[in-house]
Amino acid sequence: MRILSVLFGVLTVAWTYRLGRDTLSQQTGLFAVIILGTSPVFVWFMHEIRMYTLLSLLIVFELWLYRRIIRHSDVSRLMWFGLFAATAGLLYTHYFSIFPLAAI
């Protein structure tokens, strides 16, 4: 059962790199991965069977999709569907996910 938390944590680290790389530069992505990967709280939550790693994965994925939709003019319906699915997943995962949604 803990494998899901570890999988979501690893995917969060990968999408954090991609978000940082696409936003500014490759060094920004690497810096974000180093900070996230060495965060004791994030590593602790990867060992627990809780929703926090899924929450962080969906937040990073939604931010990446939102940024991509805003920046590019040729946006497919799949990206819009991914954004709405990530938003729905966030709202079903945790009550406090309304705050990142309000930031967008």
PDB file of N, CA and C in Angstrom:
ATOM      1  N   MET A   1       0.806  -1.187   0.000  1.00  0.00           N
ATOM      2  CA  MET A   1       0.000   0.000   0.000  1.00  0.00           C
ATOM      3  C   MET A   1       0.857   1.262   0.000  1.00  0.00           C
ATOM      4  N   ARG A   2       2.001   1.210   0.640  1.00  0.00           N
ATOM      5  CA  ARG A   2       2.860   2.395   0.670  1.00  0.00           C
ATOM      6  C   ARG A   2       3.478   2.699  -0.687  1.00  0.00           C
ATOM      7  N   ILE A   3       3.427   1.739  -1.572  1.00  0.00           N
ATOM      8  CA  ILE A   3       4.035   1.955  -2.877  1.00  0.00           C
ATOM      9  C   ILE A   3       3.323   3.082  -3.628  1.00  0.00           C
ATOM     10  N   LEU A   4       2.036   3.274  -3.379  1.00  0.00           N
ATOM     11  CA  LEU A   4       1.327   4.374  -4.038  1.00  0.00           C
ATOM     12  C   LEU A   4       1.848   5.726  -3.573  1.00  0.00           C
ATOM     13  N   SER A   5       2.100   5.861  -2.279  1.00  0.00           N
ATOM     14  CA  SER A   5       2.648   7.126  -1.778  1.00  0.00           C
ATOM     15  C   SER A   5       4.037   7.378  -2.343  1.00  0.00           C
ATOM     16  N   VAL A   6       4.837   6.337  -2.423  1.00  0.00           N
ATOM     17  CA  VAL A   6       6.181   6.491  -2.990  1.00  0.00           C
ATOM     18  C   VAL A   6       6.094   6.825  -4.477  1.00  0.00           C
ATOM     19  N   LEU A   7       5.202   6.159  -5.188  1.00  0.00           N
ATOM     20  CA  LEU A   7       5.029   6.434  -6.618  1.00  0.00           C
ATOM     21  C   LEU A   7       4.555   7.866  -6.853  1.00  0.00           C
ATOM     22  N   PHE A   8       3.578   8.316  -6.076  1.00  0.00           N
ATOM     23  CA  PHE A   8       3.109   9.696  -6.213  1.00  0.00           C
ATOM     24  C   PHE A   8       4.213  10.685  -5.862  1.00  0.00           C
ATOM     25  N   GLY A   9       5.038  10.350  -4.867  1.00  0.00           N
ATOM     26  CA  GLY A   9       6.148  11.226  -4.489  1.00  0.00           C
ATOM     27  C   GLY A   9       7.193  11.335  -5.586  1.00  0.00           C
ATOM     28  N   VAL A  10       7.531  10.209  -6.196  1.00  0.00           N
ATOM     29  CA  VAL A  10       8.514  10.221  -7.285  1.00  0.00           C
ATOM     30  C   VAL A  10       7.963  10.980  -8.491  1.00  0.00           C
ATOM     31  N   LEU A  11       6.694  10.777  -8.792  1.00  0.00           N
ATOM     32  CA  LEU A  11       6.082  11.526  -9.894  1.00  0.00           C
ATOM     33  C   LEU A  11       6.012  13.020  -9.593  1.00  0.00           C
ATOM     34  N   THR A  12       5.811  13.367  -8.329  1.00  0.00           N
ATOM     35  CA  THR A  12       5.811  14.783  -7.949  1.00  0.00           C
ATOM     36  C   THR A  12       7.171  15.403  -8.187  1.00  0.00           C
ATOM     37  N   VAL A  13       8.220  14.681  -7.838  1.00  0.00           N
ATOM     38  CA  VAL A  13       9.577  15.194  -8.064  1.00  0.00           C
ATOM     39  C   VAL A  13       9.825  15.371  -9.561  1.00  0.00           C
ATOM     40  N   ALA A  14       9.393  14.405 -10.369  1.00  0.00           N
ATOM     41  CA  ALA A  14       9.597  14.497 -11.819  1.00  0.00           C
ATOM     42  C   ALA A  14       8.820  15.672 -12.419  1.00  0.00           C
ATOM     43  N   TRP A  15       7.566  15.849 -12.023  1.00  0.00           N
ATOM     44  CA  TRP A  15       6.767  16.955 -12.564  1.00  0.00           C
ATOM     45  C   TRP A  15       7.229  18.298 -12.033  1.00  0.00           C
ATOM     46  N   THR A  16       7.809  18.305 -10.840  1.00  0.00           N
ATOM     47  CA  THR A  16       8.374  19.555 -10.326  1.00  0.00           C
ATOM     48  C   THR A  16       9.555  19.984 -11.184  1.00  0.00           C
ATOM     49  N   TYR A  17      10.381  19.018 -11.577  1.00  0.00           N
ATOM     50  CA  TYR A  17      11.488  19.344 -12.478  1.00  0.00           C
ATOM     51  C   TYR A  17      10.953  19.890 -13.800  1.00  0.00           C
ATOM     52  N   ARG A  18       9.947  19.224 -14.326  1.00  0.00           N
ATOM     53  CA  ARG A  18       9.400  19.662 -15.614  1.00  0.00           C
ATOM     54  C   ARG A  18       8.769  21.047 -15.521  1.00  0.00           C
ATOM     55  N   LEU A  19       8.071  21.313 -14.421  1.00  0.00           N
ATOM     56  CA  LEU A  19       7.470  22.634 -14.229  1.00  0.00           C
ATOM     57  C   LEU A  19       8.546  23.706 -14.118  1.00  0.00           C
ATOM     58  N   GLY A  20       9.595  23.448 -13.350  1.00  0.00           N
ATOM     59  CA  GLY A  20      10.679  24.422 -13.219  1.00  0.00           C
ATOM     60  C   GLY A  20      11.434  24.628 -14.520  1.00  0.00           C
ATOM     61  N   ARG A  21      11.665  23.541 -15.250  1.00  0.00           N
ATOM     62  CA  ARG A  21      12.370  23.643 -16.529  1.00  0.00           C
ATOM     63  C   ARG A  21      11.559  24.410 -17.558  1.00  0.00           C
ATOM     64  N   ASP A  22      10.270  24.124 -17.636  1.00  0.00           N
ATOM     65  CA  ASP A  22       9.428  24.813 -18.616  1.00  0.00           C
ATOM     66  C   ASP A  22       9.158  26.257 -18.232  1.00  0.00           C
ATOM     67  N   THR A  23       9.168  26.560 -16.940  1.00  0.00           N
ATOM     68  CA  THR A  23       8.883  27.921 -16.502  1.00  0.00           C
ATOM     69  C   THR A  23      10.080  28.835 -16.706  1.00  0.00           C
ATOM     70  N   LEU A  24      11.243  28.446 -16.195  1.00  0.00           N
ATOM     71  CA  LEU A  24      12.414  29.323 -16.307  1.00  0.00           C
ATOM     72  C   LEU A  24      13.573  28.662 -17.034  1.00  0.00           C
ATOM     73  N   SER A  25      14.212  27.686 -16.394  1.00  0.00           N
ATOM     74  CA  SER A  25      15.383  27.057 -17.013  1.00  0.00           C
ATOM     75  C   SER A  25      15.603  25.680 -16.395  1.00  0.00           C
ATOM     76  N   GLN A  26      16.580  24.975 -16.953  1.00  0.00           N
ATOM     77  CA  GLN A  26      16.908  23.653 -16.434  1.00  0.00           C
ATOM     78  C   GLN A  26      17.475  23.748 -15.022  1.00  0.00           C
ATOM     79  N   GLN A  27      18.253  24.789 -14.750  1.00  0.00           N
ATOM     80  CA  GLN A  27      18.805  24.957 -13.402  1.00  0.00           C
ATOM     81  C   GLN A  27      17.703  25.191 -12.381  1.00  0.00           C
ATOM     82  N   THR A  28      16.660  25.901 -12.770  1.00  0.00           N
ATOM     83  CA  THR A  28      15.532  26.116 -11.868  1.00  0.00           C
ATOM     84  C   THR A  28      14.841  24.800 -11.552  1.00  0.00           C
ATOM     85  N   GLY A  29      14.664  23.968 -12.557  1.00  0.00           N
ATOM     86  CA  GLY A  29      14.067  22.654 -12.335  1.00  0.00           C
ATOM     87  C   GLY A  29      14.901  21.793 -11.414  1.00  0.00           C
ATOM     88  N   LEU A  30      16.215  21.801 -11.620  1.00  0.00           N
ATOM     89  CA  LEU A  30      17.097  21.022 -10.747  1.00  0.00           C
ATOM     90  C   LEU A  30      17.097  21.557  -9.325  1.00  0.00           C
ATOM     91  N   PHE A  31      17.084  22.873  -9.180  1.00  0.00           N
ATOM     92  CA  PHE A  31      17.046  23.474  -7.851  1.00  0.00           C
ATOM     93  C   PHE A  31      15.746  23.108  -7.129  1.00  0.00           C
ATOM     94  N   ALA A  32      14.629  23.139  -7.847  1.00  0.00           N
ATOM     95  CA  ALA A  32      13.344  22.778  -7.246  1.00  0.00           C
ATOM     96  C   ALA A  32      13.320  21.312  -6.833  1.00  0.00           C
ATOM     97  N   VAL A  33      13.918  20.449  -7.650  1.00  0.00           N
ATOM     98  CA  VAL A  33      13.973  19.026  -7.321  1.00  0.00           C
ATOM     99  C   VAL A  33      14.849  18.788  -6.098  1.00  0.00           C
ATOM    100  N   ILE A  34      15.962  19.493  -6.006  1.00  0.00           N
ATOM    101  CA  ILE A  34      16.838  19.337  -4.840  1.00  0.00           C
ATOM    102  C   ILE A  34      16.116  19.781  -3.577  1.00  0.00           C
ATOM    103  N   ILE A  35      15.430  20.895  -3.653  1.00  0.00           N
ATOM    104  CA  ILE A  35      14.715  21.392  -2.469  1.00  0.00           C
ATOM    105  C   ILE A  35      13.584  20.436  -2.085  1.00  0.00           C
ATOM    106  N   LEU A  36      12.810  19.981  -3.054  1.00  0.00           N
ATOM    107  CA  LEU A  36      11.700  19.083  -2.754  1.00  0.00           C
ATOM    108  C   LEU A  36      12.201  17.717  -2.293  1.00  0.00           C
ATOM    109  N   GLY A  37      13.214  17.198  -2.955  1.00  0.00           N
ATOM    110  CA  GLY A  37      13.718  15.870  -2.618  1.00  0.00           C
ATOM    111  C   GLY A  37      14.409  15.785  -1.276  1.00  0.00           C
ATOM    112  N   THR A  38      14.930  16.889  -0.790  1.00  0.00           N
ATOM    113  CA  THR A  38      15.595  16.886   0.512  1.00  0.00           C
ATOM    114  C   THR A  38      14.711  17.449   1.620  1.00  0.00           C
ATOM    115  N   SER A  39      13.477  17.749   1.311  1.00  0.00           N
ATOM    116  CA  SER A  39      12.549  18.244   2.327  1.00  0.00           C
ATOM    117  C   SER A  39      12.164  17.094   3.261  1.00  0.00           C
ATOM    118  N   PRO A  40      12.436  17.226   4.546  1.00  0.00           N
ATOM    119  CA  PRO A  40      12.104  16.136   5.467  1.00  0.00           C
ATOM    120  C   PRO A  40      10.604  15.855   5.544  1.00  0.00           C
ATOM    121  N   VAL A  41       9.797  16.880   5.417  1.00  0.00           N
ATOM    122  CA  VAL A  41       8.347  16.681   5.482  1.00  0.00           C
ATOM    123  C   VAL A  41       7.864  15.891   4.268  1.00  0.00           C
ATOM    124  N   PHE A  42       8.377  16.233   3.093  1.00  0.00           N
ATOM    125  CA  PHE A  42       7.959  15.521   1.886  1.00  0.00           C
ATOM    126  C   PHE A  42       8.415  14.068   1.930  1.00  0.00           C
ATOM    127  N   VAL A  43       9.635  13.824   2.378  1.00  0.00           N
ATOM    128  CA  VAL A  43      10.134  12.449   2.482  1.00  0.00           C
ATOM    129  C   VAL A  43       9.322  11.677   3.521  1.00  0.00           C
ATOM    130  N   TRP A  44       8.954  12.319   4.609  1.00  0.00           N
ATOM    131  CA  TRP A  44       8.133  11.671   5.632  1.00  0.00           C
ATOM    132  C   TRP A  44       6.764  11.289   5.064  1.00  0.00           C
ATOM    133  N   PHE A  45       6.164  12.183   4.301  1.00  0.00           N
ATOM    134  CA  PHE A  45       4.852  11.889   3.734  1.00  0.00           C
ATOM    135  C   PHE A  45       4.925  10.804   2.663  1.00  0.00           C
ATOM    136  N   MET A  46       6.079  10.613   2.050  1.00  0.00           N
ATOM    137  CA  MET A  46       6.224   9.520   1.095  1.00  0.00           C
ATOM    138  C   MET A  46       6.194   8.168   1.797  1.00  0.00           C
ATOM    139  N   HIS A  47       6.475   8.142   3.090  1.00  0.00           N
ATOM    140  CA  HIS A  47       6.482   6.890   3.847  1.00  0.00           C
ATOM    141  C   HIS A  47       5.125   6.590   4.479  1.00  0.00           C
ATOM    142  N   GLU A  48       4.235   7.541   4.497  1.00  0.00           N
ATOM    143  CA  GLU A  48       2.923   7.343   5.100  1.00  0.00           C
ATOM    144  C   GLU A  48       1.885   7.005   4.037  1.00  0.00           C
ATOM    145  N   ILE A  49       0.842   6.342   4.485  1.00  0.00           N
ATOM    146  CA  ILE A  49      -0.252   6.025   3.574  1.00  0.00           C
ATOM    147  C   ILE A  49      -1.308   7.107   3.752  1.00  0.00           C
ATOM    148  N   ARG A  50      -1.017   8.267   3.220  1.00  0.00           N
ATOM    149  CA  ARG A  50      -1.920   9.408   3.318  1.00  0.00           C
ATOM    150  C   ARG A  50      -2.060  10.038   1.939  1.00  0.00           C
ATOM    151  N   MET A  51      -2.859  11.078   1.853  1.00  0.00           N
ATOM    152  CA  MET A  51      -3.160  11.689   0.566  1.00  0.00           C
ATOM    153  C   MET A  51      -2.227  12.831   0.216  1.00  0.00           C
ATOM    154  N   TYR A  52      -1.229  13.112   1.059  1.00  0.00           N
ATOM    155  CA  TYR A  52      -0.429  14.316   0.855  1.00  0.00           C
ATOM    156  C   TYR A  52       0.452  14.248  -0.393  1.00  0.00           C
ATOM    157  N   THR A  53       0.981  13.085  -0.725  1.00  0.00           N
ATOM    158  CA  THR A  53       1.792  13.007  -1.942  1.00  0.00           C
ATOM    159  C   THR A  53       0.915  13.118  -3.190  1.00  0.00           C
ATOM    160  N   LEU A  54      -0.285  12.562  -3.137  1.00  0.00           N
ATOM    161  CA  LEU A  54      -1.214  12.732  -4.258  1.00  0.00           C
ATOM    162  C   LEU A  54      -1.619  14.189  -4.394  1.00  0.00           C
ATOM    163  N   LEU A  55      -1.828  14.853  -3.278  1.00  0.00           N
ATOM    164  CA  LEU A  55      -2.175  16.271  -3.294  1.00  0.00           C
ATOM    165  C   LEU A  55      -1.066  17.095  -3.936  1.00  0.00           C
ATOM    166  N   SER A  56       0.174  16.835  -3.548  1.00  0.00           N
ATOM    167  CA  SER A  56       1.286  17.597  -4.128  1.00  0.00           C
ATOM    168  C   SER A  56       1.461  17.282  -5.610  1.00  0.00           C
ATOM    169  N   LEU A  57       1.268  16.028  -5.996  1.00  0.00           N
ATOM    170  CA  LEU A  57       1.366  15.666  -7.410  1.00  0.00           C
ATOM    171  C   LEU A  57       0.301  16.379  -8.236  1.00  0.00           C
ATOM    172  N   LEU A  58      -0.919  16.384  -7.760  1.00  0.00           N
ATOM    173  CA  LEU A  58      -1.991  17.031  -8.514  1.00  0.00           C
ATOM    174  C   LEU A  58      -1.809  18.542  -8.583  1.00  0.00           C
ATOM    175  N   ILE A  59      -1.281  19.143  -7.525  1.00  0.00           N
ATOM    176  CA  ILE A  59      -1.031  20.590  -7.556  1.00  0.00           C
ATOM    177  C   ILE A  59       0.033  20.930  -8.592  1.00  0.00           C
ATOM    178  N   VAL A  60       1.131  20.182  -8.585  1.00  0.00           N
ATOM    179  CA  VAL A  60       2.208  20.451  -9.545  1.00  0.00           C
ATOM    180  C   VAL A  60       1.721  20.183 -10.970  1.00  0.00           C
ATOM    181  N   PHE A  61       0.985  19.102 -11.164  1.00  0.00           N
ATOM    182  CA  PHE A  61       0.470  18.773 -12.489  1.00  0.00           C
ATOM    183  C   PHE A  61      -0.508  19.838 -12.979  1.00  0.00           C
ATOM    184  N   GLU A  62      -1.359  20.319 -12.081  1.00  0.00           N
ATOM    185  CA  GLU A  62      -2.315  21.348 -12.472  1.00  0.00           C
ATOM    186  C   GLU A  62      -1.619  22.667 -12.796  1.00  0.00           C
ATOM    187  N   LEU A  63      -0.617  23.036 -12.017  1.00  0.00           N
ATOM    188  CA  LEU A  63       0.134  24.259 -12.315  1.00  0.00           C
ATOM    189  C   LEU A  63       0.838  24.155 -13.660  1.00  0.00           C
ATOM    190  N   TRP A  64       1.402  22.991 -13.958  1.00  0.00           N
ATOM    191  CA  TRP A  64       2.077  22.803 -15.242  1.00  0.00           C
ATOM    192  C   TRP A  64       1.073  22.898 -16.395  1.00  0.00           C
ATOM    193  N   LEU A  65      -0.070  22.242 -16.244  1.00  0.00           N
ATOM    194  CA  LEU A  65      -1.086  22.307 -17.298  1.00  0.00           C
ATOM    195  C   LEU A  65      -1.626  23.721 -17.471  1.00  0.00           C
ATOM    196  N   TYR A  66      -1.888  24.401 -16.369  1.00  0.00           N
ATOM    197  CA  TYR A  66      -2.409  25.764 -16.443  1.00  0.00           C
ATOM    198  C   TYR A  66      -1.420  26.683 -17.146  1.00  0.00           C
ATOM    199  N   ARG A  67      -0.151  26.569 -16.793  1.00  0.00           N
ATOM    200  CA  ARG A  67       0.871  27.392 -17.426  1.00  0.00           C
ATOM    201  C   ARG A  67       0.972  27.087 -18.917  1.00  0.00           C
ATOM    202  N   ARG A  68       0.887  25.813 -19.263  1.00  0.00           N
ATOM    203  CA  ARG A  68       0.986  25.429 -20.667  1.00  0.00           C
ATOM    204  C   ARG A  68      -0.219  25.920 -21.470  1.00  0.00           C
ATOM    205  N   ILE A  69      -1.397  25.862 -20.882  1.00  0.00           N
ATOM    206  CA  ILE A  69      -2.596  26.336 -21.574  1.00  0.00           C
ATOM    207  C   ILE A  69      -2.536  27.844 -21.770  1.00  0.00           C
ATOM    208  N   ILE A  70      -2.051  28.570 -20.782  1.00  0.00           N
ATOM    209  CA  ILE A  70      -1.973  30.027 -20.877  1.00  0.00           C
ATOM    210  C   ILE A  70      -0.917  30.458 -21.900  1.00  0.00           C
ATOM    211  N   ARG A  71       0.225  29.777 -21.941  1.00  0.00           N
ATOM    212  CA  ARG A  71       1.347  30.203 -22.788  1.00  0.00           C
ATOM    213  C   ARG A  71       1.212  29.822 -24.254  1.00  0.00           C
ATOM    214  N   HIS A  72       0.550  28.712 -24.543  1.00  0.00           N
ATOM    215  CA  HIS A  72       0.499  28.218 -25.920  1.00  0.00           C
ATOM    216  C   HIS A  72      -0.887  28.446 -26.512  1.00  0.00           C
ATOM    217  N   SER A  73      -0.894  28.766 -27.788  1.00  0.00           N
ATOM    218  CA  SER A  73      -2.174  29.009 -28.450  1.00  0.00           C
ATOM    219  C   SER A  73      -2.775  27.722 -29.023  1.00  0.00           C
ATOM    220  N   ASP A  74      -1.942  26.739 -29.312  1.00  0.00           N
ATOM    221  CA  ASP A  74      -2.441  25.485 -29.882  1.00  0.00           C
ATOM    222  C   ASP A  74      -2.655  24.451 -28.765  1.00  0.00           C
ATOM    223  N   VAL A  75      -3.731  24.618 -28.040  1.00  0.00           N
ATOM    224  CA  VAL A  75      -4.026  23.756 -26.900  1.00  0.00           C
ATOM    225  C   VAL A  75      -5.063  22.721 -27.317  1.00  0.00           C
ATOM    226  N   SER A  76      -4.782  21.462 -27.024  1.00  0.00           N
ATOM    227  CA  SER A  76      -5.716  20.403 -27.387  1.00  0.00           C
ATOM    228  C   SER A  76      -6.776  20.225 -26.302  1.00  0.00           C
ATOM    229  N   ARG A  77      -7.791  19.503 -26.659  1.00  0.00           N
ATOM    230  CA  ARG A  77      -8.852  19.218 -25.690  1.00  0.00           C
ATOM    231  C   ARG A  77      -8.355  18.297 -24.588  1.00  0.00           C
ATOM    232  N   LEU A  78      -7.347  17.512 -24.899  1.00  0.00           N
ATOM    233  CA  LEU A  78      -6.782  16.620 -23.891  1.00  0.00           C
ATOM    234  C   LEU A  78      -6.156  17.408 -22.746  1.00  0.00           C
ATOM    235  N   MET A  79      -5.532  18.528 -23.060  1.00  0.00           N
ATOM    236  CA  MET A  79      -4.958  19.367 -22.000  1.00  0.00           C
ATOM    237  C   MET A  79      -6.050  19.974 -21.133  1.00  0.00           C
ATOM    238  N   TRP A  80      -7.113  20.433 -21.751  1.00  0.00           N
ATOM    239  CA  TRP A  80      -8.228  20.967 -20.967  1.00  0.00           C
ATOM    240  C   TRP A  80      -8.841  19.876 -20.094  1.00  0.00           C
ATOM    241  N   PHE A  81      -8.991  18.686 -20.658  1.00  0.00           N
ATOM    242  CA  PHE A  81      -9.522  17.573 -19.872  1.00  0.00           C
ATOM    243  C   PHE A  81      -8.593  17.236 -18.709  1.00  0.00           C
ATOM    244  N   GLY A  82      -7.282  17.254 -18.956  1.00  0.00           N
ATOM    245  CA  GLY A  82      -6.318  17.003 -17.885  1.00  0.00           C
ATOM    246  C   GLY A  82      -6.405  18.041 -16.782  1.00  0.00           C
ATOM    247  N   LEU A  83      -6.589  19.305 -17.176  1.00  0.00           N
ATOM    248  CA  LEU A  83      -6.718  20.370 -16.179  1.00  0.00           C
ATOM    249  C   LEU A  83      -7.975  20.181 -15.337  1.00  0.00           C
ATOM    250  N   PHE A  84      -9.083  19.874 -15.977  1.00  0.00           N
ATOM    251  CA  PHE A  84     -10.324  19.671 -15.223  1.00  0.00           C
ATOM    252  C   PHE A  84     -10.262  18.404 -14.373  1.00  0.00           C
ATOM    253  N   ALA A  85      -9.609  17.353 -14.877  1.00  0.00           N
ATOM    254  CA  ALA A  85      -9.469  16.129 -14.091  1.00  0.00           C
ATOM    255  C   ALA A  85      -8.569  16.357 -12.882  1.00  0.00           C
ATOM    256  N   ALA A  86      -7.483  17.107 -13.070  1.00  0.00           N
ATOM    257  CA  ALA A  86      -6.604  17.418 -11.939  1.00  0.00           C
ATOM    258  C   ALA A  86      -7.321  18.286 -10.917  1.00  0.00           C
ATOM    259  N   THR A  87      -8.132  19.219 -11.386  1.00  0.00           N
ATOM    260  CA  THR A  87      -8.901  20.069 -10.472  1.00  0.00           C
ATOM    261  C   THR A  87      -9.916  19.245  -9.690  1.00  0.00           C
ATOM    262  N   ALA A  88     -10.616  18.359 -10.372  1.00  0.00           N
ATOM    263  CA  ALA A  88     -11.580  17.500  -9.677  1.00  0.00           C
ATOM    264  C   ALA A  88     -10.870  16.575  -8.697  1.00  0.00           C
ATOM    265  N   GLY A  89      -9.733  16.034  -9.112  1.00  0.00           N
ATOM    266  CA  GLY A  89      -8.964  15.188  -8.204  1.00  0.00           C
ATOM    267  C   GLY A  89      -8.490  15.937  -6.977  1.00  0.00           C
ATOM    268  N   LEU A  90      -8.080  17.184  -7.173  1.00  0.00           N
ATOM    269  CA  LEU A  90      -7.665  18.008  -6.032  1.00  0.00           C
ATOM    270  C   LEU A  90      -8.819  18.229  -5.066  1.00  0.00           C
ATOM    271  N   LEU A  91      -9.965  18.569  -5.589  1.00  0.00           N
ATOM    272  CA  LEU A  91     -11.108  18.849  -4.720  1.00  0.00           C
ATOM    273  C   LEU A  91     -11.585  17.605  -3.977  1.00  0.00           C
ATOM    274  N   TYR A  92     -11.431  16.437  -4.580  1.00  0.00           N
ATOM    275  CA  TYR A  92     -11.809  15.203  -3.901  1.00  0.00           C
ATOM    276  C   TYR A  92     -10.720  14.697  -2.952  1.00  0.00           C
ATOM    277  N   THR A  93      -9.493  15.164  -3.126  1.00  0.00           N
ATOM    278  CA  THR A  93      -8.394  14.669  -2.306  1.00  0.00           C
ATOM    279  C   THR A  93      -8.330  15.340  -0.948  1.00  0.00           C
ATOM    280  N   HIS A  94      -8.423  16.665  -0.914  1.00  0.00           N
ATOM    281  CA  HIS A  94      -8.252  17.384   0.351  1.00  0.00           C
ATOM    282  C   HIS A  94      -9.038  18.689   0.303  1.00  0.00           C
ATOM    283  N   TYR A  95      -9.566  19.079   1.453  1.00  0.00           N
ATOM    284  CA  TYR A  95     -10.351  20.310   1.515  1.00  0.00           C
ATOM    285  C   TYR A  95      -9.498  21.549   1.280  1.00  0.00           C
ATOM    286  N   PHE A  96      -8.265  21.530   1.722  1.00  0.00           N
ATOM    287  CA  PHE A  96      -7.402  22.703   1.592  1.00  0.00           C
ATOM    288  C   PHE A  96      -6.870  22.894   0.179  1.00  0.00           C
ATOM    289  N   SER A  97      -7.244  22.039  -0.740  1.00  0.00           N
ATOM    290  CA  SER A  97      -6.800  22.222  -2.122  1.00  0.00           C
ATOM    291  C   SER A  97      -7.501  23.398  -2.784  1.00  0.00           C
ATOM    292  N   ILE A  98      -8.455  23.968  -2.120  1.00  0.00           N
ATOM    293  CA  ILE A  98      -9.129  25.150  -2.662  1.00  0.00           C
ATOM    294  C   ILE A  98      -8.178  26.342  -2.714  1.00  0.00           C
ATOM    295  N   PHE A  99      -7.174  26.374  -1.843  1.00  0.00           N
ATOM    296  CA  PHE A  99      -6.242  27.499  -1.819  1.00  0.00           C
ATOM    297  C   PHE A  99      -5.337  27.547  -3.051  1.00  0.00           C
ATOM    298  N   PRO A 100      -4.732  26.439  -3.497  1.00  0.00           N
ATOM    299  CA  PRO A 100      -3.991  26.523  -4.772  1.00  0.00           C
ATOM    300  C   PRO A 100      -4.897  26.831  -5.954  1.00  0.00           C
ATOM    301  N   LEU A 101      -6.129  26.350  -5.901  1.00  0.00           N
ATOM    302  CA  LEU A 101      -7.060  26.666  -6.986  1.00  0.00           C
ATOM    303  C   LEU A 101      -7.413  28.144  -6.995  1.00  0.00           C
ATOM    304  N   ALA A 102      -7.543  28.725  -5.823  1.00  0.00           N
ATOM    305  CA  ALA A 102      -7.836  30.157  -5.743  1.00  0.00           C
ATOM    306  C   ALA A 102      -6.654  30.987  -6.224  1.00  0.00           C
ATOM    307  N   ALA A 103      -5.452  30.453  -6.086  1.00  0.00           N
ATOM    308  CA  ALA A 103      -4.266  31.180  -6.546  1.00  0.00           C
ATOM    309  C   ALA A 103      -4.213  31.244  -8.068  1.00  0.00           C
ATOM    310  N   ILE A 104      -4.773  30.268  -8.717  1.00  0.00           N
ATOM    311  CA  ILE A 104      -4.792  30.274 -10.178  1.00  0.00           C
ATOM    312  C   ILE A 104      -5.849  31.243 -10.634  1.00  0.00           C
TER     313      ILE A 104
END
